[in-house]
N, C-alpha and C. Protein backbone atom coordinates (compact mmCIF):
# COMPACT_ATOMS: atom_id res chain seq x y z
N MET A 1 0.83 -1.14 0.00
CA MET A 1 0.00 0.00 0.00
C MET A 1 0.90 1.23 0.00
N LYS A 2 0.60 2.05 -0.94
CA LYS A 2 1.40 3.22 -1.14
C LYS A 2 0.57 4.45 -0.79
N PHE A 3 1.18 5.31 0.01
CA PHE A 3 0.48 6.53 0.40
C PHE A 3 0.95 7.67 -0.49
N THR A 4 -0.01 8.40 -0.95
CA THR A 4 0.34 9.57 -1.74
C THR A 4 0.41 10.77 -0.80
N ARG A 5 0.96 11.80 -1.35
CA ARG A 5 1.13 12.99 -0.54
C ARG A 5 -0.23 13.54 -0.11
N ARG A 6 -1.19 13.49 -0.98
CA ARG A 6 -2.53 13.97 -0.69
C ARG A 6 -3.20 13.14 0.39
N SER A 7 -3.09 11.84 0.39
CA SER A 7 -3.70 10.98 1.41
C SER A 7 -3.02 11.18 2.78
N ILE A 8 -1.71 11.46 2.76
CA ILE A 8 -1.00 11.71 4.03
C ILE A 8 -1.48 13.03 4.63
N VAL A 9 -1.72 14.03 3.82
CA VAL A 9 -2.18 15.32 4.31
C VAL A 9 -3.60 15.17 4.88
N VAL A 10 -4.46 14.43 4.18
CA VAL A 10 -5.83 14.21 4.66
C VAL A 10 -5.79 13.41 5.96
N PHE A 11 -5.01 12.35 5.97
CA PHE A 11 -4.89 11.53 7.18
C PHE A 11 -4.32 12.35 8.33
N GLY A 12 -3.34 13.15 8.10
CA GLY A 12 -2.74 14.02 9.12
C GLY A 12 -3.73 15.04 9.64
N SER A 13 -4.52 15.62 8.70
CA SER A 13 -5.53 16.61 9.10
C SER A 13 -6.59 15.97 9.98
N LEU A 14 -7.04 14.77 9.61
CA LEU A 14 -8.03 14.06 10.42
C LEU A 14 -7.47 13.71 11.81
N LEU A 15 -6.21 13.34 11.84
CA LEU A 15 -5.57 13.00 13.10
C LEU A 15 -5.46 14.24 14.00
N ILE A 16 -5.10 15.37 13.43
CA ILE A 16 -5.02 16.62 14.20
C ILE A 16 -6.41 17.01 14.70
N LEU A 17 -7.45 16.88 13.85
CA LEU A 17 -8.83 17.18 14.26
C LEU A 17 -9.27 16.26 15.39
N LEU A 18 -8.93 14.99 15.31
CA LEU A 18 -9.28 14.02 16.36
C LEU A 18 -8.61 14.38 17.67
N ILE A 19 -7.34 14.74 17.63
CA ILE A 19 -6.60 15.12 18.84
C ILE A 19 -7.22 16.39 19.44
N PHE A 20 -7.60 17.35 18.57
CA PHE A 20 -8.22 18.59 19.04
C PHE A 20 -9.55 18.31 19.74
N LEU A 21 -10.39 17.47 19.14
CA LEU A 21 -11.70 17.16 19.73
C LEU A 21 -11.56 16.39 21.05
N VAL A 22 -10.65 15.43 21.09
CA VAL A 22 -10.42 14.68 22.33
C VAL A 22 -9.89 15.61 23.41
N GLY A 23 -8.99 16.50 23.06
CA GLY A 23 -8.45 17.46 24.03
C GLY A 23 -9.53 18.42 24.53
N PHE A 24 -10.39 18.84 23.61
CA PHE A 24 -11.48 19.75 23.98
C PHE A 24 -12.42 19.08 24.98
N ARG A 25 -12.79 17.81 24.73
CA ARG A 25 -13.69 17.07 25.64
C ARG A 25 -13.02 16.84 27.00
N LEU A 26 -11.75 16.51 26.96
CA LEU A 26 -11.02 16.29 28.19
C LEU A 26 -10.92 17.59 29.00
N GLY A 27 -10.74 18.71 28.35
CA GLY A 27 -10.68 20.00 29.03
C GLY A 27 -12.00 20.36 29.71
N ARG A 28 -13.13 20.03 29.08
CA ARG A 28 -14.44 20.31 29.68
C ARG A 28 -14.66 19.49 30.95
N THR A 29 -14.27 18.22 30.94
CA THR A 29 -14.44 17.39 32.15
C THR A 29 -13.52 17.86 33.27
N ILE A 30 -12.32 18.27 32.94
CA ILE A 30 -11.40 18.76 33.98
C ILE A 30 -11.91 20.09 34.55
N GLU A 31 -12.47 20.94 33.69
CA GLU A 31 -13.00 22.22 34.16
C GLU A 31 -14.16 22.01 35.13
N SER A 32 -15.07 21.10 34.81
CA SER A 32 -16.20 20.85 35.72
C SER A 32 -15.71 20.23 37.04
N ALA A 33 -14.66 19.42 36.98
CA ALA A 33 -14.09 18.85 38.20
C ALA A 33 -13.43 19.95 39.04
N ASP A 34 -12.81 20.93 38.39
CA ASP A 34 -12.19 22.04 39.11
C ASP A 34 -13.23 22.92 39.80
N LYS A 35 -14.37 23.08 39.16
CA LYS A 35 -15.42 23.90 39.76
C LYS A 35 -15.97 23.25 41.03
N ASN A 36 -16.02 21.93 41.06
CA ASN A 36 -16.55 21.21 42.22
C ASN A 36 -15.49 20.90 43.28
N PHE A 37 -14.27 21.24 43.01
CA PHE A 37 -13.18 20.93 43.93
C PHE A 37 -13.23 21.83 45.16
N VAL A 38 -13.18 21.22 46.32
CA VAL A 38 -13.13 21.95 47.59
C VAL A 38 -11.77 21.67 48.20
N PRO A 39 -10.97 22.72 48.37
CA PRO A 39 -9.62 22.48 48.92
C PRO A 39 -9.73 22.01 50.37
N PRO A 40 -8.86 21.13 50.80
CA PRO A 40 -8.91 20.67 52.19
C PRO A 40 -8.61 21.81 53.15
N THR A 41 -9.34 21.79 54.25
CA THR A 41 -9.13 22.85 55.24
C THR A 41 -7.96 22.48 56.14
N LYS A 42 -7.27 23.51 56.57
CA LYS A 42 -6.14 23.28 57.46
C LYS A 42 -6.68 22.96 58.85
N ALA A 43 -6.02 22.06 59.52
CA ALA A 43 -6.39 21.73 60.90
C ALA A 43 -6.10 22.94 61.76
N PRO A 44 -7.03 23.30 62.64
CA PRO A 44 -6.78 24.47 63.48
C PRO A 44 -5.60 24.23 64.41
N THR A 45 -4.81 25.26 64.55
CA THR A 45 -3.66 25.13 65.44
C THR A 45 -4.16 25.27 66.88
N PRO A 46 -3.70 24.40 67.74
CA PRO A 46 -4.17 24.49 69.13
C PRO A 46 -3.69 25.79 69.77
N SER A 47 -4.64 26.46 70.38
CA SER A 47 -4.30 27.71 71.07
C SER A 47 -4.48 27.49 72.56
N GLN A 48 -4.06 28.44 73.31
CA GLN A 48 -4.17 28.32 74.75
C GLN A 48 -5.65 28.34 75.12
N ALA A 49 -6.06 27.38 75.91
CA ALA A 49 -7.45 27.26 76.31
C ALA A 49 -7.84 28.45 77.19
N VAL A 50 -9.00 29.00 76.89
CA VAL A 50 -9.48 30.13 77.67
C VAL A 50 -10.33 29.58 78.80
N SER A 51 -9.95 29.89 80.00
CA SER A 51 -10.72 29.42 81.14
C SER A 51 -11.60 30.57 81.64
N PRO A 52 -12.82 30.24 82.03
CA PRO A 52 -13.70 31.31 82.51
C PRO A 52 -13.17 31.90 83.82
N THR A 53 -13.34 33.18 83.94
CA THR A 53 -12.90 33.82 85.18
C THR A 53 -14.02 33.73 86.20
N ASN A 54 -13.66 33.37 87.38
CA ASN A 54 -14.65 33.27 88.45
C ASN A 54 -14.85 34.64 89.07
N VAL A 55 -16.08 35.09 89.02
CA VAL A 55 -16.42 36.36 89.64
C VAL A 55 -16.62 36.09 91.12
N PRO A 56 -15.93 36.81 91.98
CA PRO A 56 -16.10 36.56 93.40
C PRO A 56 -17.54 36.84 93.82
N LEU A 57 -18.09 35.93 94.59
CA LEU A 57 -19.46 36.06 95.05
C LEU A 57 -19.50 36.98 96.26
N GLU A 58 -20.25 38.04 96.13
CA GLU A 58 -20.37 38.99 97.24
C GLU A 58 -21.46 38.48 98.18
N LEU A 59 -21.14 38.40 99.46
CA LEU A 59 -22.07 37.85 100.44
C LEU A 59 -22.51 38.92 101.43
N LYS A 60 -23.73 38.74 101.92
CA LYS A 60 -24.26 39.57 102.99
C LYS A 60 -24.66 38.64 104.13
N THR A 61 -24.73 39.18 105.32
CA THR A 61 -25.18 38.39 106.47
C THR A 61 -26.62 38.78 106.78
N PHE A 62 -27.46 37.77 106.92
CA PHE A 62 -28.87 37.99 107.23
C PHE A 62 -29.13 37.54 108.66
N THR A 63 -29.77 38.38 109.44
CA THR A 63 -30.14 38.03 110.81
C THR A 63 -31.65 38.11 110.91
N HIS A 64 -32.24 37.01 111.35
CA HIS A 64 -33.70 36.93 111.45
C HIS A 64 -34.11 37.08 112.91
N PRO A 65 -35.27 37.67 113.19
CA PRO A 65 -35.73 37.82 114.58
C PRO A 65 -35.92 36.50 115.32
N CYS A 66 -35.98 35.40 114.59
CA CYS A 66 -36.11 34.08 115.23
C CYS A 66 -34.83 33.68 115.95
N GLY A 67 -33.76 34.41 115.72
CA GLY A 67 -32.51 34.09 116.39
C GLY A 67 -31.58 33.26 115.54
N VAL A 68 -31.62 33.43 114.22
CA VAL A 68 -30.68 32.74 113.33
C VAL A 68 -30.02 33.78 112.44
N SER A 69 -28.78 33.48 112.04
CA SER A 69 -28.09 34.34 111.09
C SER A 69 -27.29 33.44 110.16
N PHE A 70 -27.13 33.90 108.92
CA PHE A 70 -26.39 33.14 107.91
C PHE A 70 -26.00 34.11 106.80
N SER A 71 -25.10 33.65 105.92
CA SER A 71 -24.66 34.45 104.78
C SER A 71 -25.46 34.04 103.54
N TYR A 72 -25.67 35.02 102.65
CA TYR A 72 -26.39 34.76 101.41
C TYR A 72 -25.82 35.68 100.33
N PRO A 73 -26.04 35.36 99.04
CA PRO A 73 -25.52 36.21 97.96
C PRO A 73 -26.14 37.60 98.02
N ALA A 74 -25.33 38.62 97.82
CA ALA A 74 -25.79 40.01 97.90
C ALA A 74 -26.81 40.36 96.83
N SER A 75 -26.88 39.56 95.76
CA SER A 75 -27.82 39.86 94.67
C SER A 75 -29.26 39.51 95.03
N MET A 76 -29.47 38.82 96.13
CA MET A 76 -30.82 38.41 96.52
C MET A 76 -31.56 39.57 97.19
N GLN A 77 -32.86 39.65 96.94
CA GLN A 77 -33.71 40.69 97.51
C GLN A 77 -34.57 40.09 98.61
N GLU A 78 -34.74 40.83 99.69
CA GLU A 78 -35.54 40.36 100.83
C GLU A 78 -36.98 40.83 100.68
N SER A 79 -37.90 39.91 100.96
CA SER A 79 -39.32 40.30 100.99
C SER A 79 -39.97 39.59 102.17
N LYS A 80 -40.54 40.37 103.08
CA LYS A 80 -41.22 39.78 104.23
C LYS A 80 -42.61 39.38 103.79
N GLN A 81 -43.00 38.16 104.13
CA GLN A 81 -44.33 37.70 103.77
C GLN A 81 -45.26 37.77 104.97
N ALA A 82 -44.71 37.63 106.14
CA ALA A 82 -45.46 37.75 107.38
C ALA A 82 -44.47 38.15 108.46
N SER A 83 -44.95 38.37 109.68
CA SER A 83 -44.05 38.82 110.74
C SER A 83 -42.98 37.78 111.06
N LYS A 84 -43.29 36.51 110.92
CA LYS A 84 -42.34 35.45 111.24
C LYS A 84 -41.85 34.71 110.00
N GLN A 85 -42.14 35.24 108.82
CA GLN A 85 -41.77 34.56 107.59
C GLN A 85 -41.05 35.54 106.66
N THR A 86 -39.91 35.12 106.12
CA THR A 86 -39.11 35.97 105.23
C THR A 86 -38.67 35.15 104.03
N ARG A 87 -38.56 35.83 102.89
CA ARG A 87 -38.11 35.17 101.66
C ARG A 87 -37.02 36.03 101.03
N LEU A 88 -35.89 35.40 100.72
CA LEU A 88 -34.80 36.04 99.98
C LEU A 88 -34.81 35.40 98.59
N GLN A 89 -34.83 36.23 97.53
CA GLN A 89 -34.95 35.65 96.19
C GLN A 89 -34.15 36.43 95.18
N ASP A 90 -33.61 35.67 94.21
CA ASP A 90 -32.89 36.24 93.07
C ASP A 90 -33.08 35.31 91.89
N GLY A 91 -33.97 35.62 91.00
CA GLY A 91 -34.23 34.76 89.84
C GLY A 91 -34.79 33.42 90.28
N THR A 92 -34.02 32.35 90.06
CA THR A 92 -34.48 31.00 90.41
C THR A 92 -34.01 30.56 91.79
N GLN A 93 -33.12 31.33 92.42
CA GLN A 93 -32.61 30.97 93.74
C GLN A 93 -33.49 31.60 94.82
N SER A 94 -33.74 30.85 95.88
CA SER A 94 -34.53 31.42 96.97
C SER A 94 -34.17 30.78 98.30
N ILE A 95 -34.40 31.56 99.36
CA ILE A 95 -34.25 31.08 100.73
C ILE A 95 -35.49 31.56 101.47
N GLU A 96 -36.23 30.62 102.04
CA GLU A 96 -37.42 30.96 102.82
C GLU A 96 -37.20 30.54 104.26
N ILE A 97 -37.54 31.44 105.19
CA ILE A 97 -37.37 31.18 106.62
C ILE A 97 -38.72 31.43 107.27
N GLU A 98 -39.11 30.51 108.16
CA GLU A 98 -40.36 30.67 108.89
C GLU A 98 -40.15 30.24 110.33
N CYS A 99 -40.70 31.00 111.28
CA CYS A 99 -40.56 30.70 112.70
C CYS A 99 -41.89 30.23 113.27
N GLU A 100 -41.80 29.29 114.20
CA GLU A 100 -42.97 28.81 114.91
C GLU A 100 -42.57 28.64 116.38
N LYS A 101 -43.55 28.75 117.26
CA LYS A 101 -43.28 28.46 118.68
C LYS A 101 -43.01 26.96 118.81
N ILE A 102 -42.14 26.60 119.73
CA ILE A 102 -41.82 25.19 119.95
C ILE A 102 -43.04 24.48 120.51
N ALA A 103 -43.43 23.42 119.83
CA ALA A 103 -44.54 22.60 120.30
C ALA A 103 -43.97 21.42 121.07
N SER A 104 -44.80 20.82 121.87
CA SER A 104 -44.31 19.71 122.69
C SER A 104 -44.03 18.47 121.85
N ASN A 105 -44.64 18.35 120.67
CA ASN A 105 -44.46 17.15 119.84
C ASN A 105 -43.51 17.40 118.67
N SER A 106 -42.52 18.25 118.84
CA SER A 106 -41.57 18.54 117.76
C SER A 106 -40.33 17.65 117.92
N GLY A 107 -40.50 16.36 117.81
CA GLY A 107 -39.42 15.41 118.05
C GLY A 107 -38.42 15.30 116.93
N ASN A 108 -38.78 15.56 115.65
CA ASN A 108 -37.85 15.36 114.54
C ASN A 108 -37.08 16.63 114.17
N VAL A 109 -37.14 17.65 114.99
CA VAL A 109 -36.45 18.91 114.75
C VAL A 109 -35.08 18.86 115.40
N VAL A 110 -34.05 19.26 114.64
CA VAL A 110 -32.67 19.21 115.11
C VAL A 110 -32.37 20.44 115.96
N ALA A 111 -31.67 20.23 117.06
CA ALA A 111 -31.29 21.34 117.93
C ALA A 111 -29.85 21.77 117.69
N ASP A 112 -29.03 20.91 117.05
CA ASP A 112 -27.62 21.23 116.81
C ASP A 112 -27.43 21.53 115.32
N VAL A 113 -26.86 22.68 115.01
CA VAL A 113 -26.67 23.11 113.62
C VAL A 113 -25.78 22.14 112.85
N ASP A 114 -24.82 21.51 113.52
CA ASP A 114 -23.88 20.62 112.84
C ASP A 114 -24.52 19.31 112.40
N THR A 115 -25.66 18.94 112.91
CA THR A 115 -26.29 17.65 112.56
C THR A 115 -27.47 17.79 111.62
N ILE A 116 -27.63 18.94 110.99
CA ILE A 116 -28.76 19.16 110.06
C ILE A 116 -28.58 18.31 108.82
N THR A 117 -29.66 17.64 108.41
CA THR A 117 -29.67 16.88 107.16
C THR A 117 -30.84 17.38 106.32
N PRO A 118 -30.57 18.19 105.28
CA PRO A 118 -31.65 18.70 104.45
C PRO A 118 -32.35 17.59 103.68
N THR A 119 -33.64 17.73 103.47
CA THR A 119 -34.41 16.76 102.69
C THR A 119 -35.04 17.48 101.50
N PRO A 120 -35.16 16.81 100.35
CA PRO A 120 -35.76 17.45 99.17
C PRO A 120 -37.22 17.81 99.42
N SER A 121 -37.62 18.99 98.92
CA SER A 121 -39.02 19.39 99.08
C SER A 121 -39.62 19.80 97.74
N GLY A 122 -39.06 19.33 96.63
CA GLY A 122 -39.59 19.59 95.30
C GLY A 122 -39.04 20.86 94.68
N ASP A 123 -39.07 20.92 93.34
CA ASP A 123 -38.62 22.08 92.57
C ASP A 123 -37.22 22.54 92.95
N ALA A 124 -36.29 21.62 93.09
CA ALA A 124 -34.88 21.91 93.40
C ALA A 124 -34.72 22.66 94.71
N LEU A 125 -35.57 22.39 95.66
CA LEU A 125 -35.49 23.00 96.99
C LEU A 125 -35.18 21.94 98.03
N MET A 126 -34.46 22.36 99.07
CA MET A 126 -34.16 21.48 100.19
C MET A 126 -34.77 22.12 101.44
N MET A 127 -35.22 21.27 102.36
CA MET A 127 -35.93 21.77 103.53
C MET A 127 -35.33 21.16 104.78
N TRP A 128 -35.26 21.94 105.85
CA TRP A 128 -34.87 21.43 107.17
C TRP A 128 -35.42 22.36 108.23
N GLN A 129 -35.44 21.84 109.47
CA GLN A 129 -35.91 22.63 110.60
C GLN A 129 -34.87 22.58 111.71
N VAL A 130 -34.74 23.70 112.42
CA VAL A 130 -33.79 23.81 113.52
C VAL A 130 -34.53 24.34 114.73
N ARG A 131 -34.25 23.75 115.89
CA ARG A 131 -34.84 24.23 117.14
C ARG A 131 -33.86 25.20 117.78
N ASN A 132 -34.31 26.43 117.98
CA ASN A 132 -33.49 27.43 118.65
C ASN A 132 -33.97 27.50 120.09
N THR A 133 -33.21 26.89 120.97
CA THR A 133 -33.62 26.83 122.38
C THR A 133 -33.48 28.18 123.07
N ASN A 134 -32.69 29.09 122.53
CA ASN A 134 -32.53 30.43 123.11
C ASN A 134 -33.82 31.24 122.96
N THR A 135 -34.45 31.15 121.79
CA THR A 135 -35.68 31.92 121.55
C THR A 135 -36.94 31.05 121.70
N ARG A 136 -36.75 29.76 121.95
CA ARG A 136 -37.85 28.80 122.09
C ARG A 136 -38.73 28.78 120.84
N GLN A 137 -38.07 28.71 119.68
CA GLN A 137 -38.79 28.67 118.41
C GLN A 137 -38.19 27.61 117.49
N ILE A 138 -39.02 27.12 116.56
CA ILE A 138 -38.56 26.22 115.51
C ILE A 138 -38.43 27.07 114.25
N VAL A 139 -37.26 27.01 113.64
CA VAL A 139 -37.00 27.77 112.42
C VAL A 139 -36.99 26.80 111.25
N SER A 140 -37.89 27.01 110.28
CA SER A 140 -37.97 26.16 109.08
C SER A 140 -37.28 26.86 107.93
N PHE A 141 -36.45 26.12 107.21
CA PHE A 141 -35.74 26.63 106.05
C PHE A 141 -36.19 25.88 104.81
N ASN A 142 -36.42 26.60 103.72
CA ASN A 142 -36.68 26.04 102.40
C ASN A 142 -35.71 26.75 101.47
N VAL A 143 -34.65 26.05 101.02
CA VAL A 143 -33.52 26.69 100.35
C VAL A 143 -33.26 26.02 99.00
N SER A 144 -32.90 26.81 97.99
CA SER A 144 -32.50 26.27 96.69
C SER A 144 -31.28 25.37 96.87
N GLU A 145 -31.23 24.27 96.10
CA GLU A 145 -30.16 23.28 96.25
C GLU A 145 -28.76 23.89 96.17
N ASN A 146 -28.56 24.84 95.26
CA ASN A 146 -27.22 25.40 95.09
C ASN A 146 -26.81 26.35 96.21
N LEU A 147 -27.73 26.71 97.10
CA LEU A 147 -27.40 27.59 98.22
C LEU A 147 -27.33 26.86 99.56
N VAL A 148 -27.71 25.59 99.57
CA VAL A 148 -27.77 24.83 100.83
C VAL A 148 -26.43 24.83 101.55
N GLU A 149 -25.36 24.53 100.83
CA GLU A 149 -24.04 24.44 101.46
C GLU A 149 -23.63 25.77 102.08
N LEU A 150 -23.85 26.87 101.38
CA LEU A 150 -23.51 28.19 101.89
C LEU A 150 -24.30 28.50 103.17
N VAL A 151 -25.59 28.26 103.15
CA VAL A 151 -26.43 28.56 104.32
C VAL A 151 -26.03 27.68 105.51
N LEU A 152 -25.84 26.39 105.27
CA LEU A 152 -25.48 25.48 106.36
C LEU A 152 -24.12 25.82 106.97
N LYS A 153 -23.14 26.20 106.15
CA LYS A 153 -21.81 26.50 106.68
C LYS A 153 -21.80 27.77 107.49
N THR A 154 -22.70 28.70 107.17
CA THR A 154 -22.68 30.00 107.87
C THR A 154 -23.82 30.16 108.87
N LEU A 155 -24.65 29.15 109.03
CA LEU A 155 -25.82 29.24 109.92
C LEU A 155 -25.38 29.27 111.39
N LYS A 156 -25.91 30.25 112.11
CA LYS A 156 -25.61 30.38 113.55
C LYS A 156 -26.91 30.63 114.28
N LEU A 157 -27.03 30.01 115.45
CA LEU A 157 -28.17 30.27 116.33
C LEU A 157 -27.76 31.36 117.31
N LEU A 158 -28.59 32.39 117.41
CA LEU A 158 -28.26 33.53 118.27
C LEU A 158 -29.00 33.44 119.60
């Protein structure tokens, strides 16, 4: 088989056209892949951990006519509900104090502050009673769970 100059030119032209078309198709697929390409994100460099600063809790001392005193957060507001009943409240935190005369059948009331065991009374409140033999009264406490430790540590019978 003998190739003439004319057949070589035609064959060469067809080959160049084929290479051009294949290259054009390949370029379109690469371009669409480039558009969808998401570069990998760099891993964040570890920085020094930020620790929350503790705001010092400002405390006030509360003295009740029943003969008890304790510390409580200064942000709480006092509201008297009756002559022998007081409520300290700040948002969801509360401390309620109520005094009663000592009855003869008050056997489950603690007379020593160190032996108080609070019991749950619902809605995140703890309740306990203390007998103040100096004033001859029973003092009932209804305190938010997060304030129980503070009140118990600072509770004094006067």
